Amino acid sequence: MKTNERFDASLYNISVRKGDFDGEVLFEARIKELPDVAEYADSYEEAYSLAIDTLETTAEVFLEQGNVMPLPIIDEADYSGRVTLRMPKSLHAAYASWSESEEISLNQLVVNCLSFSLGQQFGRNHALGFLKSTMGSQHRTDFIPVDVKKKPVIKLVGQKKSISLYGETEKQVAYG
């Protein structure tokens, strides 16, 4: 499987420094977004090239495994924190009314809504990536819908836990 065409390893924060490592003078390349990665080489260019290769390989492996590759960290100094936003008058009125009822500024309400949305998206991606990585050995990525009004019947059959919902046949849920 090929790395995503839009992936650009050069956007990641790579630092290269010369140092004495185990009695040998080498160049060490580190990637800020992947703190456990360190590449060592005889020259600055070679260390940097190894870090780029590691990023591309990691992205390819993450893609194959269905994991989420960490995004490049963008220096906050490049952003003022100020955004001009245009919206329909009706939406402006609705948000203004909501912010008054919450006794906070309109700006704070919009920041709260944007933060919630970003956190929800990050949480969903993180949770799905975690679930896929923990369930990968079972090759199962489908989930059983559960109706909270009906209590499922869970049985332990040997090493497997099974669940029966709504009179359906039993489905394997997890290994016990």
Protein backbone atom coordinates (compact mmCIF):
# COMPACT_ATOMS: atom_id res chain seq x y z
CA MET A 1 0.00 0.00 0.00
CA LYS A 2 1.40 3.40 -0.91
CA THR A 3 1.65 6.36 1.44
CA ASN A 4 -1.13 8.89 1.11
CA GLU A 5 -0.34 11.17 -1.84
CA ARG A 6 -0.96 14.26 0.34
CA PHE A 7 1.55 13.22 3.03
CA ASP A 8 4.53 15.58 3.17
CA ALA A 9 7.27 14.53 5.58
CA SER A 10 9.04 17.88 5.17
CA LEU A 11 6.23 19.58 7.16
CA TYR A 12 7.30 17.75 10.33
CA ASN A 13 9.65 19.29 12.90
CA ILE A 14 13.02 17.60 12.49
CA SER A 15 15.98 18.76 14.54
CA VAL A 16 19.51 17.58 13.81
CA ARG A 17 22.41 18.09 16.20
CA LYS A 18 26.00 16.96 16.35
CA GLY A 19 27.00 15.13 19.50
CA ASP A 20 29.06 12.45 21.18
CA PHE A 21 26.97 9.27 21.32
CA ASP A 22 28.56 6.25 22.99
CA GLY A 23 32.04 7.61 22.26
CA GLU A 24 31.27 8.33 18.61
CA VAL A 25 30.72 11.78 17.09
CA LEU A 26 27.48 11.53 15.11
CA PHE A 27 24.55 13.62 13.96
CA GLU A 28 21.28 12.84 15.73
CA ALA A 29 17.94 13.59 14.04
CA ARG A 30 14.80 13.80 16.18
CA ILE A 31 11.18 14.27 15.14
CA LYS A 32 9.10 16.41 17.50
CA GLU A 33 5.83 14.68 16.55
CA LEU A 34 7.35 11.20 17.12
CA PRO A 35 9.37 11.66 20.33
CA ASP A 36 10.56 8.04 20.49
CA VAL A 37 12.33 8.32 17.12
CA ALA A 38 16.04 9.08 16.86
CA GLU A 39 18.18 8.55 13.77
CA TYR A 40 22.00 8.66 13.80
CA ALA A 41 24.38 9.25 10.89
CA ASP A 42 27.84 10.50 10.00
CA SER A 43 26.57 13.69 8.33
CA TYR A 44 23.82 16.24 8.90
CA GLU A 45 22.26 15.51 5.51
CA GLU A 46 22.22 11.74 6.07
CA ALA A 47 20.60 12.09 9.53
CA TYR A 48 17.93 14.42 8.10
CA SER A 49 17.32 12.05 5.18
CA LEU A 50 16.92 9.10 7.58
CA ALA A 51 14.34 11.09 9.58
CA ILE A 52 12.36 11.87 6.40
CA ASP A 53 12.49 8.18 5.42
CA THR A 54 11.31 7.19 8.91
CA LEU A 55 8.37 9.59 8.67
CA GLU A 56 7.34 8.24 5.26
CA THR A 57 7.67 4.61 6.41
CA THR A 58 5.74 5.30 9.62
CA ALA A 59 2.95 7.02 7.68
CA GLU A 60 2.74 4.06 5.30
CA VAL A 61 2.60 1.53 8.17
CA PHE A 62 0.01 3.60 10.05
CA LEU A 63 -2.11 3.78 6.89
CA GLU A 64 -1.90 0.01 6.36
CA GLN A 65 -2.83 -0.66 10.00
CA GLY A 66 -5.65 1.90 10.04
CA ASN A 67 -3.90 4.06 12.64
CA VAL A 68 -3.86 7.85 12.64
CA MET A 69 -0.52 9.50 11.84
CA PRO A 70 0.22 12.45 14.17
CA LEU A 71 -0.15 15.75 12.33
CA PRO A 72 2.80 18.14 12.03
CA ILE A 73 3.00 20.51 14.99
CA ILE A 74 2.72 24.06 13.75
CA ASP A 75 4.46 26.74 15.77
CA GLU A 76 1.83 28.89 17.49
CA ALA A 77 3.97 31.98 16.93
CA ASP A 78 2.71 31.93 13.33
CA TYR A 79 -0.86 32.64 14.52
CA SER A 80 -2.17 35.76 16.23
CA GLY A 81 -5.22 34.06 17.73
CA ARG A 82 -7.46 36.52 15.93
CA VAL A 83 -9.96 35.45 13.26
CA THR A 84 -12.51 37.53 11.38
CA LEU A 85 -15.63 35.49 10.80
CA ARG A 86 -18.61 36.18 8.55
CA MET A 87 -21.92 34.43 9.21
CA PRO A 88 -25.61 34.88 8.42
CA LYS A 89 -27.45 37.42 10.61
CA SER A 90 -29.77 34.71 11.91
CA LEU A 91 -26.83 32.60 13.10
CA HIS A 92 -25.22 35.66 14.67
CA ALA A 93 -28.46 36.44 16.51
CA ALA A 94 -28.81 32.84 17.71
CA TYR A 95 -25.24 32.73 19.06
CA ALA A 96 -25.59 36.18 20.65
CA SER A 97 -28.78 35.06 22.42
CA TRP A 98 -27.13 31.83 23.56
CA SER A 99 -24.07 33.67 24.90
CA GLU A 100 -26.30 36.10 26.84
CA SER A 101 -28.22 33.21 28.42
CA GLU A 102 -24.91 31.59 29.44
CA GLU A 103 -23.61 34.97 30.69
CA ILE A 104 -20.42 34.73 28.62
CA SER A 105 -19.13 36.75 25.70
CA LEU A 106 -20.01 35.82 22.15
CA ASN A 107 -16.29 35.29 21.50
CA GLN A 108 -16.01 32.83 24.41
CA LEU A 109 -19.07 30.90 23.22
CA VAL A 110 -17.66 30.54 19.70
CA VAL A 111 -14.26 29.44 21.10
CA ASN A 112 -16.04 26.89 23.33
CA CYS A 113 -18.02 25.50 20.37
CA LEU A 114 -14.93 25.25 18.17
CA SER A 115 -12.92 23.62 20.97
CA PHE A 116 -15.68 21.11 21.64
CA SER A 117 -15.93 20.20 17.97
CA LEU A 118 -12.16 19.80 17.60
CA GLY A 119 -11.96 17.74 20.80
CA GLN A 120 -14.84 15.55 19.71
CA GLN A 121 -13.20 14.89 16.34
CA PHE A 122 -9.80 14.18 17.93
CA GLY A 123 -11.44 11.93 20.53
CA ARG A 124 -13.37 10.00 17.89
CA ASN A 125 -10.27 9.50 15.72
CA HIS A 126 -8.16 8.54 18.74
CA ALA A 127 -10.80 6.13 20.09
CA LEU A 128 -11.38 4.49 16.70
CA GLY A 129 -7.64 4.13 16.14
CA PHE A 130 -7.31 2.54 19.59
CA LEU A 131 -10.24 0.19 18.99
CA LYS A 132 -8.93 -0.85 15.59
CA SER A 133 -5.47 -1.53 17.00
CA THR A 134 -6.82 -3.58 19.93
CA MET A 135 -9.35 -5.46 17.81
CA GLY A 136 -7.02 -5.98 14.88
CA SER A 137 -6.16 -9.54 15.86
CA GLN A 138 -9.83 -10.47 15.47
CA HIS A 139 -10.14 -8.72 12.08
CA ARG A 140 -13.42 -7.25 13.31
CA THR A 141 -14.22 -3.58 12.84
CA ASP A 142 -18.01 -3.76 12.92
CA PHE A 143 -19.84 -2.91 16.11
CA ILE A 144 -23.02 -4.39 17.50
CA PRO A 145 -25.73 -1.76 18.11
CA VAL A 146 -27.13 -2.00 21.63
CA ASP A 147 -30.66 -0.89 22.50
CA VAL A 148 -30.50 0.39 26.09
CA LYS A 149 -34.15 -0.57 26.65
CA LYS A 150 -33.37 -4.26 26.20
CA LYS A 151 -30.81 -6.05 28.29
CA PRO A 152 -28.38 -8.16 26.24
CA VAL A 153 -27.59 -11.74 27.25
CA ILE A 154 -23.86 -12.29 27.64
CA LYS A 155 -22.49 -15.84 27.78
CA LEU A 156 -19.00 -17.11 28.36
CA VAL A 157 -18.31 -19.98 25.97
CA GLY A 158 -14.81 -21.35 26.46
CA GLN A 159 -12.43 -18.46 25.84
CA LYS A 160 -14.98 -16.30 24.01
CA LYS A 161 -17.63 -13.94 25.30
CA SER A 162 -20.79 -13.97 23.19
CA ILE A 163 -23.74 -11.62 23.18
CA SER A 164 -27.29 -12.20 22.04
CA LEU A 165 -29.41 -9.17 21.16
CA TYR A 166 -33.07 -8.96 20.15
CA GLY A 167 -33.40 -12.68 19.51
CA GLU A 168 -30.55 -12.66 16.98
CA THR A 169 -27.94 -15.35 16.81
CA GLU A 170 -25.01 -14.86 19.14
CA LYS A 171 -22.14 -12.67 18.01
CA GLN A 172 -18.58 -12.80 19.30
CA VAL A 173 -17.70 -9.65 21.22
CA ALA A 174 -14.26 -10.18 22.76
CA TYR A 175 -11.83 -12.76 23.96
CA GLY A 176 -11.98 -13.25 27.73
